[in-house]
Structure formats: structure tokens, C-alpha cells
Amino acid sequence: VTIYNSSKPGPLGKPKAIKVAGYSGWDPT
């Protein structure tokens, strides 16, 4: 595992973040 810093997210880009509205307590994934 390599941990590094770069302004480029990687060859596959940065996935879109999933957001939740209100409290359900479950991870939607």
C-alpha cells in the first residue's frame, strides 16, 4: 500500500460521493 499526495486523483478519477439525508443509521452501500 502506497500513501502519497497528488493533485491528480488517479487513473480512474474520483468517484462521486454518496450523500444521505437525515438519520437512518445504515450505510447505504
PDB file of all heavy atoms in Angstrom:
ATOM      1  N   VAL A   1       0.863  -1.194   0.000  1.00  0.00           N
ATOM      2  CA  VAL A   1       0.000   0.000   0.000  1.00  0.00           C
ATOM      3  C   VAL A   1       0.892   1.233   0.000  1.00  0.00           C
ATOM      4  O   VAL A   1       1.762   1.374   0.857  1.00  0.00           O
ATOM      5  CB  VAL A   1      -0.923   0.035   1.228  1.00  0.00           C
ATOM      6  CG1 VAL A   1      -1.789   1.286   1.214  1.00  0.00           C
ATOM      7  CG2 VAL A   1      -1.798  -1.203   1.289  1.00  0.00           C
ATOM      8  N   THR A   2       0.651   2.120  -0.951  1.00  0.00           N
ATOM      9  CA  THR A   2       1.400   3.381  -1.031  1.00  0.00           C
ATOM     10  C   THR A   2       0.464   4.533  -0.699  1.00  0.00           C
ATOM     11  O   THR A   2      -0.616   4.659  -1.289  1.00  0.00           O
ATOM     12  CB  THR A   2       1.980   3.597  -2.442  1.00  0.00           C
ATOM     13  OG1 THR A   2       2.845   2.506  -2.769  1.00  0.00           O
ATOM     14  CG2 THR A   2       2.767   4.899  -2.511  1.00  0.00           C
ATOM     15  N   ILE A   3       0.870   5.354   0.255  1.00  0.00           N
ATOM     16  CA  ILE A   3       0.109   6.558   0.597  1.00  0.00           C
ATOM     17  C   ILE A   3       0.918   7.764   0.151  1.00  0.00           C
ATOM     18  O   ILE A   3       2.084   7.911   0.526  1.00  0.00           O
ATOM     19  CB  ILE A   3      -0.187   6.633   2.106  1.00  0.00           C
ATOM     20  CG1 ILE A   3      -0.888   5.354   2.582  1.00  0.00           C
ATOM     21  CG2 ILE A   3      -1.055   7.848   2.414  1.00  0.00           C
ATOM     22  CD1 ILE A   3      -1.152   5.313   4.085  1.00  0.00           C
ATOM     23  N   TYR A   4       0.308   8.619  -0.669  1.00  0.00           N
ATOM     24  CA  TYR A   4       1.034   9.739  -1.260  1.00  0.00           C
ATOM     25  C   TYR A   4       0.110  10.940  -1.412  1.00  0.00           C
ATOM     26  O   TYR A   4      -1.103  10.853  -1.172  1.00  0.00           O
ATOM     27  CB  TYR A   4       1.591   9.332  -2.629  1.00  0.00           C
ATOM     28  CG  TYR A   4       0.523   9.126  -3.693  1.00  0.00           C
ATOM     29  CD1 TYR A   4       0.301  10.067  -4.696  1.00  0.00           C
ATOM     30  CD2 TYR A   4      -0.288   7.986  -3.686  1.00  0.00           C
ATOM     31  CE1 TYR A   4      -0.685   9.884  -5.659  1.00  0.00           C
ATOM     32  CE2 TYR A   4      -1.270   7.788  -4.649  1.00  0.00           C
ATOM     33  CZ  TYR A   4      -1.465   8.746  -5.626  1.00  0.00           C
ATOM     34  OH  TYR A   4      -2.446   8.556  -6.571  1.00  0.00           O
ATOM     35  N   ASN A   5       0.673  12.051  -1.819  1.00  0.00           N
ATOM     36  CA  ASN A   5      -0.095  13.265  -2.085  1.00  0.00           C
ATOM     37  C   ASN A   5       0.041  13.654  -3.554  1.00  0.00           C
ATOM     38  O   ASN A   5       1.151  13.665  -4.100  1.00  0.00           O
ATOM     39  CB  ASN A   5       0.395  14.429  -1.220  1.00  0.00           C
ATOM     40  CG  ASN A   5      -0.183  14.400   0.177  1.00  0.00           C
ATOM     41  OD1 ASN A   5      -1.342  14.049   0.367  1.00  0.00           O
ATOM     42  ND2 ASN A   5       0.620  14.772   1.167  1.00  0.00           N
ATOM     43  N   SER A   6      -1.085  13.975  -4.195  1.00  0.00           N
ATOM     44  CA  SER A   6      -1.069  14.443  -5.575  1.00  0.00           C
ATOM     45  C   SER A   6      -2.366  15.181  -5.859  1.00  0.00           C
ATOM     46  O   SER A   6      -3.413  14.861  -5.297  1.00  0.00           O
ATOM     47  CB  SER A   6      -0.916  13.274  -6.549  1.00  0.00           C
ATOM     48  OG  SER A   6      -1.036  13.719  -7.895  1.00  0.00           O
ATOM     49  N   SER A   7      -2.279  16.175  -6.743  1.00  0.00           N
ATOM     50  CA  SER A   7      -3.483  16.910  -7.136  1.00  0.00           C
ATOM     51  C   SER A   7      -4.314  16.121  -8.146  1.00  0.00           C
ATOM     52  O   SER A   7      -5.454  16.479  -8.435  1.00  0.00           O
ATOM     53  CB  SER A   7      -3.101  18.264  -7.748  1.00  0.00           C
ATOM     54  OG  SER A   7      -2.258  18.073  -8.887  1.00  0.00           O
ATOM     55  N   LYS A   8      -3.744  15.030  -8.682  1.00  0.00           N
ATOM     56  CA  LYS A   8      -4.461  14.173  -9.623  1.00  0.00           C
ATOM     57  C   LYS A   8      -4.975  12.950  -8.873  1.00  0.00           C
ATOM     58  O   LYS A   8      -4.191  12.215  -8.273  1.00  0.00           O
ATOM     59  CB  LYS A   8      -3.546  13.750 -10.767  1.00  0.00           C
ATOM     60  CG  LYS A   8      -3.061  14.921 -11.611  1.00  0.00           C
ATOM     61  CD  LYS A   8      -2.150  14.452 -12.738  1.00  0.00           C
ATOM     62  CE  LYS A   8      -1.671  15.640 -13.580  1.00  0.00           C
ATOM     63  NZ  LYS A   8      -0.764  15.197 -14.682  1.00  0.00           N
ATOM     64  N   PRO A   9      -6.287  12.704  -8.896  1.00  0.00           N
ATOM     65  CA  PRO A   9      -6.866  11.642  -8.068  1.00  0.00           C
ATOM     66  C   PRO A   9      -6.393  10.237  -8.391  1.00  0.00           C
ATOM     67  O   PRO A   9      -6.354   9.378  -7.529  1.00  0.00           O
ATOM     68  CB  PRO A   9      -8.370  11.784  -8.310  1.00  0.00           C
ATOM     69  CG  PRO A   9      -8.485  12.477  -9.630  1.00  0.00           C
ATOM     70  CD  PRO A   9      -7.313  13.405  -9.687  1.00  0.00           C
ATOM     71  N   GLY A  10      -6.023   9.987  -9.652  1.00  0.00           N
ATOM     72  CA  GLY A  10      -5.625   8.644 -10.070  1.00  0.00           C
ATOM     73  C   GLY A  10      -6.171   8.349 -11.446  1.00  0.00           C
ATOM     74  O   GLY A  10      -6.988   9.114 -11.977  1.00  0.00           O
ATOM     75  N   PRO A  11      -5.750   7.247 -12.066  1.00  0.00           N
ATOM     76  CA  PRO A  11      -6.140   6.962 -13.451  1.00  0.00           C
ATOM     77  C   PRO A  11      -7.633   6.759 -13.652  1.00  0.00           C
ATOM     78  O   PRO A  11      -8.148   6.940 -14.757  1.00  0.00           O
ATOM     79  CB  PRO A  11      -5.361   5.683 -13.784  1.00  0.00           C
ATOM     80  CG  PRO A  11      -5.055   5.062 -12.466  1.00  0.00           C
ATOM     81  CD  PRO A  11      -4.857   6.207 -11.524  1.00  0.00           C
ATOM     82  N   LEU A  12      -8.358   6.392 -12.591  1.00  0.00           N
ATOM     83  CA  LEU A  12      -9.803   6.161 -12.717  1.00  0.00           C
ATOM     84  C   LEU A  12     -10.623   7.326 -12.168  1.00  0.00           C
ATOM     85  O   LEU A  12     -11.856   7.260 -12.115  1.00  0.00           O
ATOM     86  CB  LEU A  12     -10.194   4.861 -11.999  1.00  0.00           C
ATOM     87  CG  LEU A  12      -9.519   3.582 -12.514  1.00  0.00           C
ATOM     88  CD1 LEU A  12      -9.982   2.376 -11.717  1.00  0.00           C
ATOM     89  CD2 LEU A  12      -9.785   3.373 -13.999  1.00  0.00           C
ATOM     90  N   GLY A  13      -9.944   8.395 -11.769  1.00  0.00           N
ATOM     91  CA  GLY A  13     -10.645   9.562 -11.264  1.00  0.00           C
ATOM     92  C   GLY A  13     -11.154   9.363  -9.837  1.00  0.00           C
ATOM     93  O   GLY A  13     -10.841   8.383  -9.168  1.00  0.00           O
ATOM     94  N   LYS A  14     -11.952  10.325  -9.387  1.00  0.00           N
ATOM     95  CA  LYS A  14     -12.527  10.287  -8.040  1.00  0.00           C
ATOM     96  C   LYS A  14     -14.015   9.993  -8.130  1.00  0.00           C
ATOM     97  O   LYS A  14     -14.776  10.768  -8.727  1.00  0.00           O
ATOM     98  CB  LYS A  14     -12.308  11.625  -7.328  1.00  0.00           C
ATOM     99  CG  LYS A  14     -12.817  11.659  -5.881  1.00  0.00           C
ATOM    100  CD  LYS A  14     -12.446  12.962  -5.202  1.00  0.00           C
ATOM    101  CE  LYS A  14     -12.872  12.979  -3.747  1.00  0.00           C
ATOM    102  NZ  LYS A  14     -12.436  14.212  -3.040  1.00  0.00           N
ATOM    103  N   PRO A  15     -14.473   8.879  -7.570  1.00  0.00           N
ATOM    104  CA  PRO A  15     -15.906   8.557  -7.620  1.00  0.00           C
ATOM    105  C   PRO A  15     -16.746   9.619  -6.928  1.00  0.00           C
ATOM    106  O   PRO A  15     -16.278  10.303  -6.009  1.00  0.00           O
ATOM    107  CB  PRO A  15     -15.995   7.220  -6.871  1.00  0.00           C
ATOM    108  CG  PRO A  15     -14.608   6.657  -6.931  1.00  0.00           C
ATOM    109  CD  PRO A  15     -13.686   7.833  -6.900  1.00  0.00           C
ATOM    110  N   LYS A  16     -17.985   9.744  -7.359  1.00  0.00           N
ATOM    111  CA  LYS A  16     -18.897  10.706  -6.757  1.00  0.00           C
ATOM    112  C   LYS A  16     -19.314  10.214  -5.381  1.00  0.00           C
ATOM    113  O   LYS A  16     -19.663   9.048  -5.196  1.00  0.00           O
ATOM    114  CB  LYS A  16     -20.135  10.891  -7.636  1.00  0.00           C
ATOM    115  CG  LYS A  16     -21.096  11.944  -7.123  1.00  0.00           C
ATOM    116  CD  LYS A  16     -22.285  12.095  -8.052  1.00  0.00           C
ATOM    117  CE  LYS A  16     -23.266  13.144  -7.525  1.00  0.00           C
ATOM    118  NZ  LYS A  16     -24.448  13.285  -8.407  1.00  0.00           N
ATOM    119  N   ALA A  17     -19.293  11.108  -4.423  1.00  0.00           N
ATOM    120  CA  ALA A  17     -19.670  10.743  -3.058  1.00  0.00           C
ATOM    121  C   ALA A  17     -21.172  10.541  -2.953  1.00  0.00           C
ATOM    122  O   ALA A  17     -21.957  11.297  -3.529  1.00  0.00           O
ATOM    123  CB  ALA A  17     -19.225  11.826  -2.085  1.00  0.00           C
ATOM    124  N   ILE A  18     -21.573   9.510  -2.224  1.00  0.00           N
ATOM    125  CA  ILE A  18     -22.983   9.285  -1.924  1.00  0.00           C
ATOM    126  C   ILE A  18     -23.326  10.079  -0.672  1.00  0.00           C
ATOM    127  O   ILE A  18     -22.577  10.069   0.303  1.00  0.00           O
ATOM    128  CB  ILE A  18     -23.255   7.784  -1.688  1.00  0.00           C
ATOM    129  CG1 ILE A  18     -22.922   6.987  -2.946  1.00  0.00           C
ATOM    130  CG2 ILE A  18     -24.705   7.548  -1.271  1.00  0.00           C
ATOM    131  CD1 ILE A  18     -22.985   5.484  -2.747  1.00  0.00           C
ATOM    132  N   LYS A  19     -24.451  10.764  -0.692  1.00  0.00           N
ATOM    133  CA  LYS A  19     -24.897  11.525   0.475  1.00  0.00           C
ATOM    134  C   LYS A  19     -26.203  10.936   0.992  1.00  0.00           C
ATOM    135  O   LYS A  19     -26.995  10.379   0.238  1.00  0.00           O
ATOM    136  CB  LYS A  19     -25.115  13.001   0.105  1.00  0.00           C
ATOM    137  CG  LYS A  19     -23.889  13.700  -0.466  1.00  0.00           C
ATOM    138  CD  LYS A  19     -22.761  13.811   0.545  1.00  0.00           C
ATOM    139  CE  LYS A  19     -21.575  14.567  -0.026  1.00  0.00           C
ATOM    140  NZ  LYS A  19     -20.452  14.654   0.938  1.00  0.00           N
ATOM    141  N   VAL A  20     -26.400  11.053   2.303  1.00  0.00           N
ATOM    142  CA  VAL A  20     -27.661  10.607   2.896  1.00  0.00           C
ATOM    143  C   VAL A  20     -28.348  11.796   3.543  1.00  0.00           C
ATOM    144  O   VAL A  20     -27.698  12.746   3.984  1.00  0.00           O
ATOM    145  CB  VAL A  20     -27.424   9.493   3.939  1.00  0.00           C
ATOM    146  CG1 VAL A  20     -26.867   8.255   3.263  1.00  0.00           C
ATOM    147  CG2 VAL A  20     -26.491   9.948   5.049  1.00  0.00           C
ATOM    148  N   ALA A  21     -29.672  11.750   3.578  1.00  0.00           N
ATOM    149  CA  ALA A  21     -30.462  12.837   4.170  1.00  0.00           C
ATOM    150  C   ALA A  21     -31.105  12.333   5.453  1.00  0.00           C
ATOM    151  O   ALA A  21     -31.869  11.368   5.432  1.00  0.00           O
ATOM    152  CB  ALA A  21     -31.530  13.314   3.194  1.00  0.00           C
ATOM    153  N   GLY A  22     -30.774  12.970   6.566  1.00  0.00           N
ATOM    154  CA  GLY A  22     -31.377  12.566   7.825  1.00  0.00           C
ATOM    155  C   GLY A  22     -30.762  11.297   8.368  1.00  0.00           C
ATOM    156  O   GLY A  22     -29.947  10.641   7.731  1.00  0.00           O
ATOM    157  N   TYR A  23     -31.154  10.935   9.561  1.00  0.00           N
ATOM    158  CA  TYR A  23     -30.528   9.807  10.250  1.00  0.00           C
ATOM    159  C   TYR A  23     -31.268   8.512   9.985  1.00  0.00           C
ATOM    160  O   TYR A  23     -32.468   8.406  10.233  1.00  0.00           O
ATOM    161  CB  TYR A  23     -30.493  10.067  11.756  1.00  0.00           C
ATOM    162  CG  TYR A  23     -29.811   8.959  12.518  1.00  0.00           C
ATOM    163  CD1 TYR A  23     -28.423   8.865  12.509  1.00  0.00           C
ATOM    164  CD2 TYR A  23     -30.542   8.011  13.204  1.00  0.00           C
ATOM    165  CE1 TYR A  23     -27.773   7.842  13.186  1.00  0.00           C
ATOM    166  CE2 TYR A  23     -29.903   6.987  13.882  1.00  0.00           C
ATOM    167  CZ  TYR A  23     -28.523   6.911  13.875  1.00  0.00           C
ATOM    168  OH  TYR A  23     -27.888   5.900  14.531  1.00  0.00           O
ATOM    169  N   SER A  24     -30.563   7.516   9.461  1.00  0.00           N
ATOM    170  CA  SER A  24     -31.127   6.170   9.326  1.00  0.00           C
ATOM    171  C   SER A  24     -30.250   5.173  10.056  1.00  0.00           C
ATOM    172  O   SER A  24     -30.719   4.141  10.519  1.00  0.00           O
ATOM    173  CB  SER A  24     -31.242   5.773   7.858  1.00  0.00           C
ATOM    174  OG  SER A  24     -29.973   5.477   7.335  1.00  0.00           O
ATOM    175  N   GLY A  25     -28.947   5.499  10.160  1.00  0.00           N
ATOM    176  CA  GLY A  25     -28.041   4.631  10.887  1.00  0.00           C
ATOM    177  C   GLY A  25     -27.374   3.560  10.058  1.00  0.00           C
ATOM    178  O   GLY A  25     -26.431   2.928  10.503  1.00  0.00           O
ATOM    179  N   TRP A  26     -27.848   3.340   8.839  1.00  0.00           N
ATOM    180  CA  TRP A  26     -27.256   2.329   7.965  1.00  0.00           C
ATOM    181  C   TRP A  26     -26.391   2.982   6.908  1.00  0.00           C
ATOM    182  O   TRP A  26     -26.715   4.060   6.402  1.00  0.00           O
ATOM    183  CB  TRP A  26     -28.353   1.523   7.257  1.00  0.00           C
ATOM    184  CG  TRP A  26     -28.941   0.427   8.086  1.00  0.00           C
ATOM    185  CD1 TRP A  26     -29.912   0.553   9.047  1.00  0.00           C
ATOM    186  CD2 TRP A  26     -28.623  -0.969   8.027  1.00  0.00           C
ATOM    187  NE1 TRP A  26     -30.209  -0.664   9.588  1.00  0.00           N
ATOM    188  CE2 TRP A  26     -29.442  -1.623   8.978  1.00  0.00           C
ATOM    189  CE3 TRP A  26     -27.739  -1.718   7.278  1.00  0.00           C
ATOM    190  CZ2 TRP A  26     -29.388  -2.997   9.198  1.00  0.00           C
ATOM    191  CZ3 TRP A  26     -27.688  -3.090   7.486  1.00  0.00           C
ATOM    192  CH2 TRP A  26     -28.495  -3.721   8.430  1.00  0.00           C
ATOM    193  N   ASP A  27     -25.284   2.317   6.572  1.00  0.00           N
ATOM    194  CA  ASP A  27     -24.505   2.721   5.416  1.00  0.00           C
ATOM    195  C   ASP A  27     -25.288   2.268   4.180  1.00  0.00           C
ATOM    196  O   ASP A  27     -25.615   1.083   4.055  1.00  0.00           O
ATOM    197  CB  ASP A  27     -23.135   2.034   5.457  1.00  0.00           C
ATOM    198  CG  ASP A  27     -22.218   2.434   4.309  1.00  0.00           C
ATOM    199  OD1 ASP A  27     -22.672   2.386   3.150  1.00  0.00           O
ATOM    200  OD2 ASP A  27     -21.055   2.753   4.569  1.00  0.00           O
ATOM    201  N   PRO A  28     -25.633   3.172   3.271  1.00  0.00           N
ATOM    202  CA  PRO A  28     -26.470   2.784   2.129  1.00  0.00           C
ATOM    203  C   PRO A  28     -25.838   1.749   1.204  1.00  0.00           C
ATOM    204  O   PRO A  28     -26.534   1.099   0.431  1.00  0.00           O
ATOM    205  CB  PRO A  28     -26.715   4.109   1.393  1.00  0.00           C
ATOM    206  CG  PRO A  28     -25.645   5.026   1.867  1.00  0.00           C
ATOM    207  CD  PRO A  28     -25.326   4.608   3.259  1.00  0.00           C
ATOM    208  N   THR A  29     -24.502   1.569   1.294  1.00  0.00           N
ATOM    209  CA  THR A  29     -23.837   0.605   0.411  1.00  0.00           C
ATOM    210  C   THR A  29     -23.704  -0.781   1.041  1.00  0.00           C
ATOM    211  O   THR A  29     -23.227  -1.708   0.387  1.00  0.00           O
ATOM    212  CB  THR A  29     -22.427   1.094   0.030  1.00  0.00           C
ATOM    213  OG1 THR A  29     -21.545   0.991   1.151  1.00  0.00           O
ATOM    214  CG2 THR A  29     -22.456   2.531  -0.485  1.00  0.00           C
TER     215      THR A  29
END
